[in-house]
Amino acid sequence: MYRLLSGSLIGDQSGSDIHDHVAQIFVDIRTQTRKVGILAENGFNFTEIDQIMQALKKAGVKCEIVSRNLGKITSADGQQLDVMRNYHTGSSVIYDAVYVTGGRQCVDTLLSQKESKHFVNEAFKHAKAIGATNEGIDLLAASEIGDAPFAAGVVTIRNATDFNNFNQKFIEAIAQHRHWDR
C-alpha cells in the first residue's frame, strides 16, 4: 500500500504516468526494515526506553543506541544497554528516524553535546520521523525543532509513564518514512 503525502490512500500505480521510483511523494507505509537511532547517555530512564524499543521491535523496526562513546551506558536505576554507534560512526543519515529518551542526567549530557543537537537537526532537515519522551523533549527544544515542536513527523509526550499511545503515533510516523510537508 502507498500513501500520498496529502493523506489520500492510493493503490497500485502500475499503468500510471507517475513514476514512484523517482518521486518520493509516494512511500511504502510499512515499518519492516526501518531503523531508528536512539540517542541516550548515562542516566537514561530504562523503563521508558525499554517500552519503546519493545514496541519498535514488535513493529519490525531495528533500534540502535547512539551515544558519545561506544561500550555500555547505565540507566538511572543501574540497568545497562550496549551502545551500537557513536556520533563518528552513526550519523543520522543512516537512520530512518530518531528517538530521544528521557532521564534528567541523560538529557543534560545530550544538551551539552553539539553532536547530539546536530544529529537531531540533520534528521529534521531530512524530513525524518523524530520522537522524544519526557526530558528528551528538552533536546528538541534546544535544536532547530524548537520553533516547530508540532511539525509533521515529530512525536512527543511529557510526564508520561505509559507510552502505548506515543509508541503507536511514533511507529505511524516512521512508517510514513519522510514528512515532506513540514
Protein backbone atom coordinates (compact mmCIF):
# COMPACT_ATOMS: atom_id res chain seq x y z
CA MET A 1 0.00 0.00 0.00
CA TYR A 2 1.20 3.51 -0.72
CA ARG A 3 0.23 6.82 0.81
CA LEU A 4 0.16 10.17 -0.94
CA LEU A 5 1.55 12.87 1.31
CA SER A 6 -1.76 14.70 1.32
CA GLY A 7 -3.08 11.72 3.27
CA SER A 8 -5.11 10.17 0.44
CA LEU A 9 -4.61 6.45 0.11
CA ILE A 10 -3.79 5.23 -3.34
CA GLY A 11 -3.36 1.74 -4.71
CA ASP A 12 -1.17 0.19 -7.34
CA GLN A 13 0.45 2.73 -9.62
CA SER A 14 1.10 0.30 -12.50
CA GLY A 15 0.00 1.79 -15.78
CA SER A 16 0.14 5.26 -14.28
CA ASP A 17 2.17 8.15 -15.61
CA ILE A 18 3.52 8.60 -12.08
CA HIS A 19 6.92 7.00 -11.54
CA ASP A 20 7.12 6.44 -7.79
CA HIS A 21 10.71 5.21 -8.07
CA VAL A 22 11.82 8.75 -8.93
CA ALA A 23 9.28 10.71 -6.90
CA GLN A 24 9.49 10.45 -3.14
CA ILE A 25 5.94 11.70 -2.80
CA PHE A 26 4.72 8.07 -2.77
CA VAL A 27 6.05 6.00 0.10
CA ASP A 28 5.67 2.44 1.24
CA ILE A 29 3.82 2.69 4.56
CA ARG A 30 5.36 -0.30 6.28
CA THR A 31 7.81 -0.32 9.16
CA GLN A 32 9.72 -3.52 8.38
CA THR A 33 13.40 -2.80 7.70
CA ARG A 34 13.21 0.75 9.08
CA LYS A 35 15.97 1.70 11.51
CA VAL A 36 15.82 4.12 14.45
CA GLY A 37 18.80 5.81 16.05
CA ILE A 38 18.13 6.17 19.78
CA LEU A 39 20.06 8.99 21.43
CA ALA A 40 20.91 8.09 25.03
CA GLU A 41 23.59 8.69 27.64
CA ASN A 42 24.21 7.55 31.20
CA GLY A 43 21.25 8.32 33.44
CA PHE A 44 18.58 7.40 30.87
CA ASN A 45 15.18 6.12 32.01
CA PHE A 46 15.33 2.35 31.48
CA THR A 47 11.59 1.66 31.75
CA GLU A 48 10.89 4.33 29.14
CA ILE A 49 13.46 3.19 26.59
CA ASP A 50 12.61 -0.49 27.16
CA GLN A 51 8.89 0.04 26.42
CA ILE A 52 9.67 1.98 23.28
CA MET A 53 12.32 -0.43 21.99
CA GLN A 54 9.96 -3.40 22.52
CA ALA A 55 7.17 -1.66 20.59
CA LEU A 56 9.53 -0.75 17.75
CA LYS A 57 10.95 -4.27 17.52
CA LYS A 58 7.42 -5.73 17.51
CA ALA A 59 6.67 -3.48 14.51
CA GLY A 60 9.76 -4.78 12.70
CA VAL A 61 11.85 -1.68 13.33
CA LYS A 62 15.55 -2.11 14.13
CA CYS A 63 16.86 0.00 17.02
CA GLU A 64 20.43 1.16 17.66
CA ILE A 65 21.64 3.09 20.68
CA VAL A 66 23.76 6.08 19.64
CA SER A 67 25.88 7.79 22.29
CA ARG A 68 29.08 9.82 22.58
CA ASN A 69 31.16 6.72 23.39
CA LEU A 70 30.93 3.08 22.37
CA GLY A 71 30.54 0.46 25.10
CA LYS A 72 27.75 0.44 27.65
CA ILE A 73 25.57 3.14 29.16
CA THR A 74 23.89 2.84 32.55
CA SER A 75 20.35 3.95 33.36
CA ALA A 76 19.38 5.99 36.41
CA ASP A 77 18.34 2.71 38.10
CA GLY A 78 21.51 0.78 37.19
CA GLN A 79 20.37 -1.13 34.07
CA GLN A 80 22.85 -1.27 31.19
CA LEU A 81 22.45 -1.10 27.42
CA ASP A 82 25.03 -1.61 24.68
CA VAL A 83 25.88 1.40 22.55
CA MET A 84 25.90 0.34 18.89
CA ARG A 85 27.32 3.55 17.41
CA ASN A 86 28.84 6.82 18.45
CA TYR A 87 28.49 10.14 16.66
CA HIS A 88 31.52 9.36 14.46
CA THR A 89 30.16 6.01 13.27
CA GLY A 90 26.43 6.73 13.33
CA SER A 91 25.26 9.86 11.56
CA SER A 92 21.50 10.46 11.45
CA VAL A 93 21.56 9.93 7.68
CA ILE A 94 21.87 6.16 8.19
CA TYR A 95 18.62 6.06 10.18
CA ASP A 96 15.00 6.37 9.10
CA ALA A 97 14.04 8.04 12.37
CA VAL A 98 15.49 9.38 15.61
CA TYR A 99 14.25 8.90 19.17
CA VAL A 100 15.50 10.88 22.19
CA THR A 101 14.88 9.17 25.51
CA GLY A 102 14.26 10.83 28.85
CA GLY A 103 16.17 10.80 32.11
CA ARG A 104 17.42 14.07 33.56
CA GLN A 105 21.13 13.15 33.68
CA CYS A 106 20.94 11.65 30.19
CA VAL A 107 19.34 14.71 28.66
CA ASP A 108 21.61 17.16 30.48
CA THR A 109 24.56 15.33 28.92
CA LEU A 110 22.90 15.35 25.48
CA LEU A 111 22.25 19.09 25.82
CA SER A 112 25.96 19.68 26.44
CA GLN A 113 26.94 17.90 23.20
CA LYS A 114 26.90 19.74 19.90
CA GLU A 115 26.88 16.34 18.15
CA SER A 116 23.52 15.32 19.60
CA LYS A 117 21.91 18.60 18.53
CA HIS A 118 23.43 18.22 15.06
CA PHE A 119 22.08 14.63 14.90
CA VAL A 120 18.53 15.86 15.61
CA ASN A 121 18.82 18.91 13.32
CA GLU A 122 20.04 16.79 10.42
CA ALA A 123 17.19 14.29 10.84
CA PHE A 124 14.68 17.16 10.97
CA LYS A 125 16.10 18.76 7.80
CA HIS A 126 15.86 15.39 6.04
CA ALA A 127 12.15 15.16 6.97
CA LYS A 128 12.61 12.05 9.10
CA ALA A 129 10.36 11.00 11.97
CA ILE A 130 11.58 12.25 15.35
CA GLY A 131 10.30 11.11 18.71
CA ALA A 132 11.10 12.29 22.23
CA THR A 133 9.73 11.44 25.63
CA ASN A 134 9.74 13.32 28.91
CA GLU A 135 13.06 15.18 29.40
CA GLY A 136 14.14 14.15 25.89
CA ILE A 137 11.85 16.89 24.59
CA ASP A 138 14.33 19.41 26.03
CA LEU A 139 16.89 18.38 23.39
CA LEU A 140 14.34 19.03 20.64
CA ALA A 141 13.60 22.45 22.16
CA ALA A 142 17.34 23.27 22.11
CA SER A 143 17.63 22.20 18.46
CA GLU A 144 16.22 23.76 15.31
CA ILE A 145 12.94 21.93 16.03
CA GLY A 146 12.45 24.31 18.94
CA ASP A 147 10.28 26.55 16.77
CA ALA A 148 8.28 23.64 15.34
CA PRO A 149 7.57 21.09 18.10
CA PHE A 150 4.27 20.10 16.48
CA ALA A 151 5.67 19.72 12.96
CA ALA A 152 4.66 16.73 10.87
CA GLY A 153 6.52 13.62 11.94
CA VAL A 154 7.60 15.00 15.34
CA VAL A 155 6.01 12.93 18.12
CA THR A 156 6.46 13.85 21.79
CA ILE A 157 5.00 13.10 25.20
CA ARG A 158 5.94 14.62 28.55
CA ASN A 159 5.26 13.49 32.14
CA ALA A 160 4.33 10.00 31.00
CA THR A 161 4.91 6.52 32.36
CA ASP A 162 2.69 4.68 29.85
CA PHE A 163 3.94 5.06 26.30
CA ASN A 164 1.40 2.99 24.34
CA ASN A 165 -0.17 5.98 22.57
CA PHE A 166 3.24 7.56 21.92
CA ASN A 167 4.57 4.26 20.55
CA GLN A 168 1.64 3.93 18.15
CA LYS A 169 2.00 7.51 16.85
CA PHE A 170 5.79 7.24 16.54
CA ILE A 171 5.52 3.95 14.63
CA GLU A 172 2.98 5.56 12.28
CA ALA A 173 5.40 8.46 11.71
CA ILE A 174 8.23 6.00 10.99
CA ALA A 175 6.02 4.09 8.55
CA GLN A 176 5.32 7.34 6.69
CA HIS A 177 9.13 7.45 6.18
CA ARG A 178 9.55 11.13 5.28
CA HIS A 179 7.48 14.13 6.25
CA TRP A 180 7.91 16.50 3.33
CA ASP A 181 5.01 18.69 4.44
CA ARG A 182 7.00 20.21 7.33
